[in-house]
PDB file of N, CA and C in Angstrom:
ATOM      1  N   MET A   1     -11.595   0.893  14.458  1.00  0.00           N
ATOM      2  CA  MET A   1     -10.288   1.108  13.828  1.00  0.00           C
ATOM      3  C   MET A   1     -10.373   2.259  12.834  1.00  0.00           C
ATOM      4  N   ILE A   2      -9.485   3.211  12.959  1.00  0.00           N
ATOM      5  CA  ILE A   2      -9.485   4.379  12.081  1.00  0.00           C
ATOM      6  C   ILE A   2      -8.609   4.089  10.869  1.00  0.00           C
ATOM      7  N   ILE A   3      -9.206   4.236   9.685  1.00  0.00           N
ATOM      8  CA  ILE A   3      -8.449   4.079   8.448  1.00  0.00           C
ATOM      9  C   ILE A   3      -8.138   5.476   7.910  1.00  0.00           C
ATOM     10  N   LYS A   4      -6.866   5.812   7.837  1.00  0.00           N
ATOM     11  CA  LYS A   4      -6.464   7.087   7.248  1.00  0.00           C
ATOM     12  C   LYS A   4      -6.477   6.921   5.729  1.00  0.00           C
ATOM     13  N   SER A   5      -6.723   8.017   5.015  1.00  0.00           N
ATOM     14  CA  SER A   5      -6.698   7.952   3.548  1.00  0.00           C
ATOM     15  C   SER A   5      -5.236   7.890   3.122  1.00  0.00           C
ATOM     16  N   ASN A   6      -4.682   6.713   3.293  1.00  0.00           N
ATOM     17  CA  ASN A   6      -3.255   6.520   3.115  1.00  0.00           C
ATOM     18  C   ASN A   6      -3.026   5.176   2.432  1.00  0.00           C
ATOM     19  N   SER A   7      -2.448   5.217   1.241  1.00  0.00           N
ATOM     20  CA  SER A   7      -2.231   4.017   0.441  1.00  0.00           C
ATOM     21  C   SER A   7      -1.432   2.956   1.179  1.00  0.00           C
ATOM     22  N   VAL A   8      -0.484   3.398   2.011  1.00  0.00           N
ATOM     23  CA  VAL A   8       0.374   2.451   2.724  1.00  0.00           C
ATOM     24  C   VAL A   8      -0.458   1.542   3.624  1.00  0.00           C
ATOM     25  N   ILE A   9      -1.423   2.113   4.335  1.00  0.00           N
ATOM     26  CA  ILE A   9      -2.264   1.317   5.232  1.00  0.00           C
ATOM     27  C   ILE A   9      -3.080   0.303   4.422  1.00  0.00           C
ATOM     28  N   LYS A  10      -3.622   0.723   3.275  1.00  0.00           N
ATOM     29  CA  LYS A  10      -4.393  -0.192   2.426  1.00  0.00           C
ATOM     30  C   LYS A  10      -3.514  -1.341   1.929  1.00  0.00           C
ATOM     31  N   VAL A  11      -2.318  -1.009   1.474  1.00  0.00           N
ATOM     32  CA  VAL A  11      -1.384  -2.035   0.993  1.00  0.00           C
ATOM     33  C   VAL A  11      -1.037  -2.996   2.124  1.00  0.00           C
ATOM     34  N   LYS A  12      -0.741  -2.441   3.314  1.00  0.00           N
ATOM     35  CA  LYS A  12      -0.368  -3.255   4.468  1.00  0.00           C
ATOM     36  C   LYS A  12      -1.499  -4.224   4.831  1.00  0.00           C
ATOM     37  N   SER A  13      -2.733  -3.739   4.845  1.00  0.00           N
ATOM     38  CA  SER A  13      -3.849  -4.606   5.210  1.00  0.00           C
ATOM     39  C   SER A  13      -4.060  -5.708   4.160  1.00  0.00           C
ATOM     40  N   ASN A  14      -3.818  -5.384   2.886  1.00  0.00           N
ATOM     41  CA  ASN A  14      -3.928  -6.399   1.839  1.00  0.00           C
ATOM     42  C   ASN A  14      -2.886  -7.494   2.029  1.00  0.00           C
ATOM     43  N   ILE A  15      -1.676  -7.103   2.392  1.00  0.00           N
ATOM     44  CA  ILE A  15      -0.612  -8.080   2.615  1.00  0.00           C
ATOM     45  C   ILE A  15      -0.946  -8.947   3.831  1.00  0.00           C
ATOM     46  N   GLU A  16      -1.436  -8.331   4.895  1.00  0.00           N
ATOM     47  CA  GLU A  16      -1.750  -9.065   6.119  1.00  0.00           C
ATOM     48  C   GLU A  16      -2.872 -10.087   5.914  1.00  0.00           C
ATOM     49  N   GLU A  17      -3.791  -9.790   4.996  1.00  0.00           N
ATOM     50  CA  GLU A  17      -4.873 -10.738   4.715  1.00  0.00           C
ATOM     51  C   GLU A  17      -4.337 -12.019   4.062  1.00  0.00           C
ATOM     52  N   LYS A  18      -3.195 -11.910   3.384  1.00  0.00           N
ATOM     53  CA  LYS A  18      -2.544 -13.056   2.737  1.00  0.00           C
ATOM     54  C   LYS A  18      -3.538 -13.880   1.912  1.00  0.00           C
ATOM     55  N   THR A  19      -4.256 -13.203   1.036  1.00  0.00           N
ATOM     56  CA  THR A  19      -5.252 -13.863   0.189  1.00  0.00           C
ATOM     57  C   THR A  19      -4.566 -14.883  -0.719  1.00  0.00           C
ATOM     58  N   PRO A  20      -4.881 -16.174  -0.570  1.00  0.00           N
ATOM     59  CA  PRO A  20      -4.157 -17.216  -1.298  1.00  0.00           C
ATOM     60  C   PRO A  20      -4.429 -17.252  -2.802  1.00  0.00           C
ATOM     61  N   ASP A  21      -5.569 -16.724  -3.257  1.00  0.00           N
ATOM     62  CA  ASP A  21      -5.907 -16.812  -4.678  1.00  0.00           C
ATOM     63  C   ASP A  21      -5.300 -15.671  -5.499  1.00  0.00           C
ATOM     64  N   ILE A  22      -4.518 -14.786  -4.873  1.00  0.00           N
ATOM     65  CA  ILE A  22      -3.865 -13.705  -5.606  1.00  0.00           C
ATOM     66  C   ILE A  22      -2.369 -13.984  -5.676  1.00  0.00           C
ATOM     67  N   ILE A  23      -1.859 -14.073  -6.906  1.00  0.00           N
ATOM     68  CA  ILE A  23      -0.422 -14.253  -7.102  1.00  0.00           C
ATOM     69  C   ILE A  23       0.153 -12.883  -7.440  1.00  0.00           C
ATOM     70  N   ILE A  24       1.095 -12.422  -6.626  1.00  0.00           N
ATOM     71  CA  ILE A  24       1.687 -11.105  -6.823  1.00  0.00           C
ATOM     72  C   ILE A  24       3.000 -11.237  -7.576  1.00  0.00           C
ATOM     73  N   ASP A  25       3.083 -10.538  -8.695  1.00  0.00           N
ATOM     74  CA  ASP A  25       4.324 -10.436  -9.447  1.00  0.00           C
ATOM     75  C   ASP A  25       5.262  -9.523  -8.651  1.00  0.00           C
ATOM     76  N   PRO A  26       6.455  -9.994  -8.301  1.00  0.00           N
ATOM     77  CA  PRO A  26       7.357  -9.190  -7.467  1.00  0.00           C
ATOM     78  C   PRO A  26       7.629  -7.791  -8.019  1.00  0.00           C
ATOM     79  N   GLU A  27       7.803  -7.667  -9.333  1.00  0.00           N
ATOM     80  CA  GLU A  27       8.065  -6.355  -9.934  1.00  0.00           C
ATOM     81  C   GLU A  27       6.855  -5.446  -9.796  1.00  0.00           C
ATOM     82  N   GLU A  28       5.674  -5.993 -10.021  1.00  0.00           N
ATOM     83  CA  GLU A  28       4.430  -5.225  -9.867  1.00  0.00           C
ATOM     84  C   GLU A  28       4.244  -4.804  -8.413  1.00  0.00           C
ATOM     85  N   ALA A  29       4.483  -5.712  -7.494  1.00  0.00           N
ATOM     86  CA  ALA A  29       4.354  -5.402  -6.065  1.00  0.00           C
ATOM     87  C   ALA A  29       5.331  -4.296  -5.674  1.00  0.00           C
ATOM     88  N   SER A  30       6.545  -4.367  -6.167  1.00  0.00           N
ATOM     89  CA  SER A  30       7.560  -3.353  -5.873  1.00  0.00           C
ATOM     90  C   SER A  30       7.112  -1.991  -6.389  1.00  0.00           C
ATOM     91  N   ARG A  31       6.562  -1.952  -7.602  1.00  0.00           N
ATOM     92  CA  ARG A  31       6.096  -0.699  -8.204  1.00  0.00           C
ATOM     93  C   ARG A  31       4.926  -0.129  -7.402  1.00  0.00           C
ATOM     94  N   VAL A  32       3.992  -0.981  -7.038  1.00  0.00           N
ATOM     95  CA  VAL A  32       2.819  -0.545  -6.265  1.00  0.00           C
ATOM     96  C   VAL A  32       3.237   0.006  -4.899  1.00  0.00           C
ATOM     97  N   LEU A  33       4.152  -0.695  -4.225  1.00  0.00           N
ATOM     98  CA  LEU A  33       4.626  -0.230  -2.919  1.00  0.00           C
ATOM     99  C   LEU A  33       5.361   1.099  -3.043  1.00  0.00           C
ATOM    100  N   LYS A  34       6.140   1.262  -4.119  1.00  0.00           N
ATOM    101  CA  LYS A  34       6.869   2.514  -4.348  1.00  0.00           C
ATOM    102  C   LYS A  34       5.872   3.659  -4.550  1.00  0.00           C
ATOM    103  N   GLU A  35       4.827   3.405  -5.356  1.00  0.00           N
ATOM    104  CA  GLU A  35       3.794   4.417  -5.587  1.00  0.00           C
ATOM    105  C   GLU A  35       3.067   4.753  -4.286  1.00  0.00           C
ATOM    106  N   ALA A  36       2.761   3.745  -3.500  1.00  0.00           N
ATOM    107  CA  ALA A  36       2.072   3.967  -2.218  1.00  0.00           C
ATOM    108  C   ALA A  36       2.931   4.810  -1.284  1.00  0.00           C
ATOM    109  N   LYS A  37       4.227   4.528  -1.262  1.00  0.00           N
ATOM    110  CA  LYS A  37       5.155   5.297  -0.426  1.00  0.00           C
ATOM    111  C   LYS A  37       5.190   6.753  -0.883  1.00  0.00           C
ATOM    112  N   GLU A  38       5.252   6.960  -2.202  1.00  0.00           N
ATOM    113  CA  GLU A  38       5.276   8.326  -2.738  1.00  0.00           C
ATOM    114  C   GLU A  38       3.986   9.066  -2.395  1.00  0.00           C
ATOM    115  N   LYS A  39       2.845   8.382  -2.526  1.00  0.00           N
ATOM    116  CA  LYS A  39       1.555   8.993  -2.185  1.00  0.00           C
ATOM    117  C   LYS A  39       1.489   9.342  -0.704  1.00  0.00           C
ATOM    118  N   ALA A  40       1.986   8.430   0.137  1.00  0.00           N
ATOM    119  CA  ALA A  40       1.987   8.678   1.580  1.00  0.00           C
ATOM    120  C   ALA A  40       2.864   9.887   1.922  1.00  0.00           C
ATOM    121  N   GLU A  41       4.027   9.965   1.283  1.00  0.00           N
ATOM    122  CA  GLU A  41       4.925  11.100   1.523  1.00  0.00           C
ATOM    123  C   GLU A  41       4.278  12.402   1.070  1.00  0.00           C
ATOM    124  N   LEU A  42       3.553  12.353  -0.037  1.00  0.00           N
ATOM    125  CA  LEU A  42       2.848  13.529  -0.543  1.00  0.00           C
ATOM    126  C   LEU A  42       1.764  13.967   0.444  1.00  0.00           C
ATOM    127  N   ILE A  43       1.004  12.996   0.964  1.00  0.00           N
ATOM    128  CA  ILE A  43      -0.053  13.287   1.948  1.00  0.00           C
ATOM    129  C   ILE A  43       0.568  13.898   3.206  1.00  0.00           C
ATOM    130  N   ILE A  44       1.672  13.321   3.662  1.00  0.00           N
ATOM    131  CA  ILE A  44       2.343  13.824   4.873  1.00  0.00           C
ATOM    132  C   ILE A  44       2.874  15.244   4.650  1.00  0.00           C
ATOM    133  N   SER A  45       3.480  15.487   3.481  1.00  0.00           N
ATOM    134  CA  SER A  45       4.040  16.807   3.205  1.00  0.00           C
ATOM    135  C   SER A  45       2.945  17.868   3.036  1.00  0.00           C
ATOM    136  N   ASN A  46       1.748  17.438   2.641  1.00  0.00           N
ATOM    137  CA  ASN A  46       0.627  18.370   2.484  1.00  0.00           C
ATOM    138  C   ASN A  46      -0.181  18.563   3.757  1.00  0.00           C
ATOM    139  N   ALA A  47       0.080  17.738   4.762  1.00  0.00           N
ATOM    140  CA  ALA A  47      -0.693  17.796   6.007  1.00  0.00           C
ATOM    141  C   ALA A  47      -0.414  19.076   6.791  1.00  0.00           C
TER     142      ALA A  47
END
């Protein structure tokens, strides 16, 4: 499996693991996802 240096993929894999001992604050999760999206867009625009 190829992992691109892309925050979105890392975030997605963390969500898919559904680690039960981590409680995600919805506001924090929203901020992190927004940052990951911005980073991904930056990577795409620089590609």
